[in-house]
Amino acid sequence: MNEFQRSWLLAQVGQDTDPADLERRFFRLQSVRAVAFEVLGERRAKLLADPLKVTVDNVVTMDLQENLRGIERQIEQVRQTPAPDDPSDEDSEAVMEVTWLSSTHRYR
């Protein structure tokens, strides 16, 4: 993983994420987008494993639903944002389109 890929990945998953863990995941998955999806997916699964809302009467209420929505928005943003290792249009093979022209008037 190069520095540009690492900085993009940290921007997606947060600066406090362990860089060594990201390197291991990148070695296994070979894509920074796949690494971001895996990290964010694990965070989402961890939130879903526990109750999203806990209330202790007259003491405290803890609600993690907005955290879940935030992670889901982040996953969607990663899906839509171009990643540094995505194939660019310049790298893809050129596609040639052919259009057949036909006359609208027939002559006799």
N, C-alpha and C. Protein backbone atom coordinates (compact mmCIF):
# COMPACT_ATOMS: atom_id res chain seq x y z
N MET A 1 0.86 -1.17 0.00
CA MET A 1 0.00 0.00 0.00
C MET A 1 0.90 1.23 0.00
N ASN A 2 0.63 2.13 -0.93
CA ASN A 2 1.44 3.35 -0.97
C ASN A 2 0.85 4.43 -0.05
N GLU A 3 1.55 5.54 0.05
CA GLU A 3 1.14 6.60 0.98
C GLU A 3 -0.20 7.22 0.60
N PHE A 4 -0.45 7.37 -0.70
CA PHE A 4 -1.71 7.94 -1.16
C PHE A 4 -2.88 7.03 -0.79
N GLN A 5 -2.71 5.73 -1.00
CA GLN A 5 -3.76 4.77 -0.63
C GLN A 5 -3.99 4.77 0.88
N ARG A 6 -2.90 4.80 1.64
CA ARG A 6 -3.01 4.80 3.11
C ARG A 6 -3.75 6.04 3.60
N SER A 7 -3.43 7.21 3.04
CA SER A 7 -4.10 8.43 3.49
C SER A 7 -5.58 8.42 3.12
N TRP A 8 -5.91 7.90 1.92
CA TRP A 8 -7.32 7.79 1.54
C TRP A 8 -8.07 6.86 2.49
N LEU A 9 -7.44 5.74 2.80
CA LEU A 9 -8.07 4.76 3.68
C LEU A 9 -8.28 5.32 5.07
N LEU A 10 -7.27 6.01 5.61
CA LEU A 10 -7.42 6.61 6.94
C LEU A 10 -8.49 7.70 6.95
N ALA A 11 -8.64 8.40 5.83
CA ALA A 11 -9.70 9.41 5.75
C ALA A 11 -11.07 8.76 5.79
N GLN A 12 -11.19 7.54 5.28
CA GLN A 12 -12.48 6.85 5.25
C GLN A 12 -12.81 6.19 6.59
N VAL A 13 -11.82 5.59 7.25
CA VAL A 13 -12.10 4.80 8.45
C VAL A 13 -11.66 5.48 9.74
N GLY A 14 -10.97 6.61 9.65
CA GLY A 14 -10.57 7.35 10.84
C GLY A 14 -9.08 7.24 11.12
N GLN A 15 -8.51 8.33 11.58
CA GLN A 15 -7.07 8.42 11.82
C GLN A 15 -6.60 7.55 12.98
N ASP A 16 -7.50 7.17 13.88
CA ASP A 16 -7.09 6.36 15.04
C ASP A 16 -7.04 4.86 14.75
N THR A 17 -7.30 4.46 13.51
CA THR A 17 -7.25 3.05 13.13
C THR A 17 -5.80 2.61 13.03
N ASP A 18 -5.51 1.39 13.50
CA ASP A 18 -4.16 0.85 13.51
C ASP A 18 -3.63 0.65 12.09
N PRO A 19 -2.57 1.36 11.69
CA PRO A 19 -2.05 1.23 10.33
C PRO A 19 -1.53 -0.17 10.02
N ALA A 20 -0.98 -0.87 11.00
CA ALA A 20 -0.49 -2.23 10.77
C ALA A 20 -1.66 -3.16 10.43
N ASP A 21 -2.79 -2.97 11.10
CA ASP A 21 -3.98 -3.76 10.80
C ASP A 21 -4.46 -3.49 9.38
N LEU A 22 -4.44 -2.23 8.98
CA LEU A 22 -4.85 -1.88 7.63
C LEU A 22 -3.91 -2.49 6.59
N GLU A 23 -2.62 -2.50 6.89
CA GLU A 23 -1.64 -3.12 5.97
C GLU A 23 -1.92 -4.61 5.80
N ARG A 24 -2.19 -5.31 6.91
CA ARG A 24 -2.49 -6.75 6.84
C ARG A 24 -3.74 -7.01 6.02
N ARG A 25 -4.76 -6.20 6.23
CA ARG A 25 -6.00 -6.37 5.48
C ARG A 25 -5.77 -6.09 3.99
N PHE A 26 -4.98 -5.06 3.69
CA PHE A 26 -4.71 -4.73 2.30
C PHE A 26 -3.93 -5.86 1.62
N PHE A 27 -2.99 -6.45 2.33
CA PHE A 27 -2.23 -7.57 1.78
C PHE A 27 -3.15 -8.73 1.42
N ARG A 28 -4.16 -8.96 2.26
CA ARG A 28 -5.10 -10.05 2.04
C ARG A 28 -6.13 -9.72 0.97
N LEU A 29 -6.65 -8.49 0.97
CA LEU A 29 -7.77 -8.12 0.09
C LEU A 29 -7.33 -7.46 -1.22
N GLN A 30 -6.15 -6.85 -1.24
CA GLN A 30 -5.59 -6.21 -2.44
C GLN A 30 -6.41 -5.03 -2.97
N SER A 31 -7.18 -4.37 -2.10
CA SER A 31 -7.97 -3.21 -2.52
C SER A 31 -8.25 -2.34 -1.29
N VAL A 32 -7.98 -1.04 -1.42
CA VAL A 32 -8.24 -0.16 -0.28
C VAL A 32 -9.74 -0.01 -0.04
N ARG A 33 -10.53 -0.06 -1.10
CA ARG A 33 -11.99 0.02 -0.93
C ARG A 33 -12.49 -1.20 -0.15
N ALA A 34 -11.98 -2.39 -0.48
CA ALA A 34 -12.38 -3.60 0.24
C ALA A 34 -11.98 -3.53 1.70
N VAL A 35 -10.82 -2.96 1.98
CA VAL A 35 -10.38 -2.79 3.37
C VAL A 35 -11.33 -1.86 4.11
N ALA A 36 -11.68 -0.74 3.48
CA ALA A 36 -12.60 0.21 4.11
C ALA A 36 -13.95 -0.45 4.38
N PHE A 37 -14.46 -1.20 3.41
CA PHE A 37 -15.74 -1.90 3.62
C PHE A 37 -15.64 -2.89 4.76
N GLU A 38 -14.54 -3.60 4.85
CA GLU A 38 -14.39 -4.60 5.91
C GLU A 38 -14.33 -3.95 7.28
N VAL A 39 -13.54 -2.88 7.42
CA VAL A 39 -13.43 -2.19 8.72
C VAL A 39 -14.77 -1.59 9.13
N LEU A 40 -15.41 -0.89 8.21
CA LEU A 40 -16.71 -0.28 8.53
C LEU A 40 -17.78 -1.33 8.77
N GLY A 41 -17.73 -2.42 8.04
CA GLY A 41 -18.68 -3.52 8.25
C GLY A 41 -18.53 -4.15 9.62
N GLU A 42 -17.28 -4.30 10.08
CA GLU A 42 -17.05 -4.83 11.43
C GLU A 42 -17.58 -3.88 12.50
N ARG A 43 -17.38 -2.59 12.30
CA ARG A 43 -17.90 -1.61 13.26
C ARG A 43 -19.43 -1.65 13.30
N ARG A 44 -20.04 -1.79 12.13
CA ARG A 44 -21.50 -1.88 12.06
C ARG A 44 -21.99 -3.14 12.75
N ALA A 45 -21.32 -4.27 12.50
CA ALA A 45 -21.71 -5.53 13.13
C ALA A 45 -21.57 -5.47 14.64
N LYS A 46 -20.53 -4.80 15.12
CA LYS A 46 -20.34 -4.67 16.56
C LYS A 46 -21.48 -3.88 17.20
N LEU A 47 -21.91 -2.81 16.52
CA LEU A 47 -23.05 -2.04 17.03
C LEU A 47 -24.33 -2.86 17.03
N LEU A 48 -24.53 -3.65 15.98
CA LEU A 48 -25.75 -4.44 15.88
C LEU A 48 -25.77 -5.62 16.85
N ALA A 49 -24.61 -6.05 17.31
CA ALA A 49 -24.54 -7.19 18.23
C ALA A 49 -25.08 -6.84 19.61
N ASP A 50 -25.02 -5.58 19.96
CA ASP A 50 -25.51 -5.12 21.26
C ASP A 50 -26.81 -4.33 21.06
N PRO A 51 -27.59 -4.18 22.12
CA PRO A 51 -28.80 -3.35 21.99
C PRO A 51 -28.42 -1.92 21.61
N LEU A 52 -29.19 -1.34 20.71
CA LEU A 52 -28.90 0.02 20.28
C LEU A 52 -29.37 1.07 21.28
N LYS A 53 -30.34 0.69 22.09
CA LYS A 53 -30.85 1.64 23.08
C LYS A 53 -31.02 0.95 24.42
N VAL A 54 -30.42 1.54 25.45
CA VAL A 54 -30.52 1.00 26.80
C VAL A 54 -30.98 2.13 27.71
N THR A 55 -31.98 1.83 28.54
CA THR A 55 -32.49 2.82 29.47
C THR A 55 -32.52 2.24 30.88
N VAL A 56 -31.92 2.95 31.80
CA VAL A 56 -32.02 2.63 33.22
C VAL A 56 -32.92 3.72 33.80
N ASP A 57 -34.10 3.30 34.29
CA ASP A 57 -35.11 4.26 34.73
C ASP A 57 -34.55 5.30 35.69
N ASN A 58 -34.81 6.55 35.35
CA ASN A 58 -34.45 7.71 36.16
C ASN A 58 -32.95 7.83 36.39
N VAL A 59 -32.13 7.12 35.60
CA VAL A 59 -30.68 7.23 35.78
C VAL A 59 -30.01 7.67 34.47
N VAL A 60 -30.11 6.83 33.44
CA VAL A 60 -29.40 7.13 32.20
C VAL A 60 -30.09 6.44 31.02
N THR A 61 -29.96 7.05 29.86
CA THR A 61 -30.41 6.45 28.61
C THR A 61 -29.25 6.53 27.61
N MET A 62 -28.95 5.40 26.99
CA MET A 62 -27.88 5.36 26.00
C MET A 62 -28.50 4.92 24.67
N ASP A 63 -28.34 5.75 23.64
CA ASP A 63 -28.93 5.47 22.34
C ASP A 63 -27.83 5.50 21.27
N LEU A 64 -27.57 4.37 20.62
CA LEU A 64 -26.52 4.27 19.62
C LEU A 64 -27.06 4.23 18.19
N GLN A 65 -28.33 4.53 18.01
CA GLN A 65 -28.93 4.46 16.68
C GLN A 65 -28.30 5.45 15.71
N GLU A 66 -27.96 6.63 16.17
CA GLU A 66 -27.32 7.62 15.29
C GLU A 66 -25.91 7.17 14.90
N ASN A 67 -25.23 6.48 15.80
CA ASN A 67 -23.90 5.94 15.46
C ASN A 67 -24.04 4.93 14.32
N LEU A 68 -25.05 4.07 14.41
CA LEU A 68 -25.30 3.09 13.36
C LEU A 68 -25.62 3.79 12.03
N ARG A 69 -26.46 4.78 12.07
CA ARG A 69 -26.80 5.53 10.85
C ARG A 69 -25.56 6.21 10.27
N GLY A 70 -24.70 6.72 11.14
CA GLY A 70 -23.47 7.36 10.68
C GLY A 70 -22.55 6.38 9.98
N ILE A 71 -22.40 5.18 10.52
CA ILE A 71 -21.56 4.17 9.88
C ILE A 71 -22.17 3.75 8.54
N GLU A 72 -23.48 3.60 8.49
CA GLU A 72 -24.12 3.25 7.23
C GLU A 72 -23.95 4.34 6.18
N ARG A 73 -24.00 5.61 6.60
CA ARG A 73 -23.74 6.72 5.66
C ARG A 73 -22.29 6.68 5.18
N GLN A 74 -21.37 6.36 6.09
CA GLN A 74 -19.96 6.27 5.71
C GLN A 74 -19.73 5.14 4.71
N ILE A 75 -20.38 4.00 4.92
CA ILE A 75 -20.26 2.89 3.98
C ILE A 75 -20.76 3.31 2.60
N GLU A 76 -21.86 4.02 2.55
CA GLU A 76 -22.40 4.49 1.27
C GLU A 76 -21.46 5.51 0.63
N GLN A 77 -20.83 6.35 1.42
CA GLN A 77 -19.88 7.32 0.89
C GLN A 77 -18.66 6.61 0.30
N VAL A 78 -18.16 5.58 0.97
CA VAL A 78 -17.03 4.81 0.44
C VAL A 78 -17.42 4.15 -0.87
N ARG A 79 -18.66 3.68 -0.96
CA ARG A 79 -19.14 3.04 -2.19
C ARG A 79 -19.13 4.03 -3.36
N GLN A 80 -19.45 5.30 -3.09
CA GLN A 80 -19.59 6.28 -4.16
C GLN A 80 -18.31 7.05 -4.47
N THR A 81 -17.37 7.10 -3.53
CA THR A 81 -16.14 7.87 -3.71
C THR A 81 -15.12 7.05 -4.48
N PRO A 82 -14.47 7.63 -5.48
CA PRO A 82 -13.43 6.88 -6.19
C PRO A 82 -12.24 6.59 -5.28
N ALA A 83 -11.78 5.36 -5.31
CA ALA A 83 -10.62 4.96 -4.50
C ALA A 83 -9.36 5.10 -5.35
N PRO A 84 -8.21 5.30 -4.70
CA PRO A 84 -6.97 5.48 -5.46
C PRO A 84 -6.56 4.28 -6.30
N ASP A 85 -6.99 3.08 -5.94
CA ASP A 85 -6.59 1.92 -6.71
C ASP A 85 -7.69 1.41 -7.66
N ASP A 86 -8.74 2.21 -7.84
CA ASP A 86 -9.77 1.86 -8.82
C ASP A 86 -9.19 2.02 -10.21
N PRO A 87 -9.59 1.14 -11.12
CA PRO A 87 -9.12 1.33 -12.50
C PRO A 87 -9.72 2.62 -13.07
N SER A 88 -8.89 3.43 -13.67
CA SER A 88 -9.38 4.68 -14.23
C SER A 88 -9.87 4.45 -15.66
N ASP A 89 -10.55 5.42 -16.18
CA ASP A 89 -11.05 5.31 -17.55
C ASP A 89 -9.90 5.23 -18.54
N GLU A 90 -8.77 5.85 -18.20
CA GLU A 90 -7.62 5.83 -19.09
C GLU A 90 -7.02 4.43 -19.18
N ASP A 91 -7.11 3.66 -18.10
CA ASP A 91 -6.52 2.33 -18.07
C ASP A 91 -7.40 1.29 -18.76
N SER A 92 -8.68 1.55 -18.85
CA SER A 92 -9.58 0.56 -19.44
C SER A 92 -9.42 0.56 -20.96
N GLU A 93 -9.80 -0.54 -21.56
CA GLU A 93 -9.68 -0.66 -23.01
C GLU A 93 -10.64 0.31 -23.69
N ALA A 94 -10.19 0.82 -24.81
CA ALA A 94 -11.03 1.73 -25.56
C ALA A 94 -12.21 0.96 -26.16
N VAL A 95 -13.35 1.57 -26.14
CA VAL A 95 -14.54 0.95 -26.70
C VAL A 95 -14.93 1.75 -27.94
N MET A 96 -15.12 1.04 -29.02
CA MET A 96 -15.50 1.70 -30.26
C MET A 96 -16.99 1.49 -30.49
N GLU A 97 -17.70 2.58 -30.67
CA GLU A 97 -19.12 2.48 -30.93
C GLU A 97 -19.38 2.71 -32.40
N VAL A 98 -20.30 1.96 -32.95
CA VAL A 98 -20.66 2.08 -34.36
C VAL A 98 -22.13 2.45 -34.44
N THR A 99 -22.41 3.42 -35.27
CA THR A 99 -23.80 3.85 -35.48
C THR A 99 -24.10 3.72 -36.96
N TRP A 100 -25.20 3.09 -37.28
CA TRP A 100 -25.62 2.96 -38.67
C TRP A 100 -26.56 4.10 -39.00
N LEU A 101 -26.22 4.79 -40.06
CA LEU A 101 -27.06 5.90 -40.50
C LEU A 101 -27.95 5.40 -41.63
N SER A 102 -29.18 5.74 -41.56
CA SER A 102 -30.09 5.37 -42.64
C SER A 102 -30.88 6.59 -43.07
N SER A 103 -31.16 6.64 -44.33
CA SER A 103 -31.89 7.77 -44.88
C SER A 103 -33.36 7.66 -44.48
N THR A 104 -33.96 8.79 -44.16
CA THR A 104 -35.38 8.78 -43.82
C THR A 104 -36.24 8.88 -45.08
N HIS A 105 -35.64 9.31 -46.20
CA HIS A 105 -36.36 9.43 -47.47
C HIS A 105 -35.79 8.41 -48.43
N ARG A 106 -36.69 7.72 -49.10
CA ARG A 106 -36.26 6.77 -50.14
C ARG A 106 -36.50 7.43 -51.49
N TYR A 107 -35.49 7.35 -52.31
CA TYR A 107 -35.61 7.93 -53.66
C TYR A 107 -35.93 6.84 -54.66
N ARG A 108 -36.74 7.18 -55.70
CA ARG A 108 -37.09 6.23 -56.74
C ARG A 108 -36.26 6.47 -57.96
